[in-house]
Protein backbone atom coordinates (compact mmCIF):
# COMPACT_ATOMS: atom_id res chain seq x y z
CA MET A 1 -23.24 83.94 30.62
CA GLU A 2 -23.81 87.62 31.90
CA GLY A 3 -20.83 89.41 29.44
CA ASN A 4 -21.80 91.99 27.43
CA VAL A 5 -25.21 93.12 28.54
CA SER A 6 -24.45 97.07 26.34
CA ASN A 7 -24.76 95.08 22.96
CA VAL A 8 -28.04 93.76 23.49
CA LYS A 9 -30.76 95.82 20.36
CA ILE A 10 -33.85 97.21 23.29
CA LYS A 11 -37.00 96.09 20.82
CA HIS A 12 -38.53 99.52 19.53
CA SER A 13 -42.28 99.45 19.21
CA LEU A 14 -45.01 102.53 18.79
CA THR A 15 -48.63 102.66 19.50
CA VAL A 16 -50.53 105.11 18.78
CA GLU A 17 -54.44 104.56 20.40
CA SER A 18 -56.66 107.45 18.65
CA ARG A 19 -54.23 110.44 17.42
CA SER A 20 -53.67 111.85 20.74
CA ARG A 21 -52.35 108.87 23.81
CA THR A 22 -49.10 106.92 22.11
CA LEU A 23 -46.93 104.85 23.56
CA ILE A 24 -43.38 104.19 22.57
CA THR A 25 -40.79 102.00 23.52
CA GLY A 26 -36.74 101.31 22.85
CA VAL A 27 -36.37 104.76 24.13
CA GLU A 28 -32.63 105.79 24.44
CA LYS A 29 -33.32 108.70 25.60
CA VAL A 30 -35.64 112.72 25.79
CA ILE A 31 -33.39 114.94 24.16
CA ASN A 32 -36.65 118.18 23.58
CA SER A 33 -40.24 118.01 24.27
CA SER A 34 -42.85 120.89 23.51
CA PRO A 35 -46.24 121.40 22.78
CA ALA A 36 -45.38 120.93 19.69
CA ALA A 37 -42.06 118.06 19.05
CA ILE A 38 -40.61 115.82 20.95
CA ASP A 39 -37.37 114.68 19.55
CA MET A 40 -35.78 111.17 21.09
CA THR A 41 -33.06 109.28 20.58
CA THR A 42 -34.43 105.18 20.08
CA SER A 43 -32.56 101.50 19.44
CA GLU A 44 -33.61 102.26 15.84
CA GLY A 45 -32.13 105.59 15.78
CA PRO A 46 -33.74 109.04 16.58
CA LEU A 47 -37.71 110.18 16.45
CA THR A 48 -39.28 112.79 15.93
CA VAL A 49 -43.37 113.20 16.78
CA LYS A 50 -45.04 116.98 15.55
CA GLY A 51 -48.11 117.64 16.67
CA GLU A 52 -50.11 120.23 18.89
CA GLY A 53 -50.90 119.94 22.41
CA LEU A 54 -47.58 116.73 22.72
CA ARG A 55 -47.29 116.20 26.77
CA ILE A 56 -45.00 113.43 27.77
CA HIS A 57 -46.77 111.42 30.37
CA SER A 58 -44.29 109.09 31.54
CA PHE A 59 -40.93 107.98 30.49
CA SER A 60 -38.28 104.84 32.47
CA ALA A 61 -35.09 105.20 31.10
CA ALA A 62 -34.46 102.19 32.39
CA ASP A 63 -38.00 100.03 30.81
CA GLY A 64 -37.26 102.72 27.83
CA ASP A 65 -40.64 103.43 27.60
CA LEU A 66 -42.33 106.68 26.91
CA THR A 67 -46.48 107.51 26.97
CA PHE A 68 -47.62 110.65 26.06
CA GLU A 69 -50.84 112.75 25.10
CA GLY A 70 -51.88 115.32 22.30
CA ARG A 71 -52.57 114.92 18.74
CA VAL A 72 -49.45 113.62 16.68
CA ASP A 73 -49.61 114.97 13.30
CA SER A 74 -46.01 113.25 12.16
CA LEU A 75 -43.34 110.44 12.84
CA THR A 76 -40.04 110.93 11.32
CA TYR A 77 -37.19 108.84 11.54
CA ALA A 78 -33.61 110.23 10.76
CA ARG A 79 -31.08 108.48 9.84
CA ALA A 80 -27.58 108.17 12.20
CA LYS A 81 -24.83 110.58 10.45
CA LYS A 82 -21.93 108.33 10.36
CA PRO A 83 -18.72 109.18 11.69
CA LEU A 84 -16.33 111.68 10.84
CA LEU A 85 -13.77 110.16 9.47
CA GLY A 86 -16.50 107.24 7.62
CA ARG A 87 -17.74 110.87 5.73
CA ILE A 88 -13.37 111.50 4.24
CA PHE A 89 -12.67 108.33 3.83
CA LYS A 90 -15.42 106.84 1.79
């Protein structure tokens, strides 16, 4: 049964080692990266990592694995916005 693979949700996890090395799985896309912040879309929604000296070490779009180094100060998940019509017609 090879049907619809797009409905399969990629497992999402976060592993932070000593606030300096991080592995995130379930990453669908890296939107922006700077030494102060990394913005991405994960299988659980948008995620922003803030800190200092952040540098992506590796990212595999095929596997959804992202590793980066630098001091992590905060991790913030944003709620996905409802489609425009859904917001207009509550």
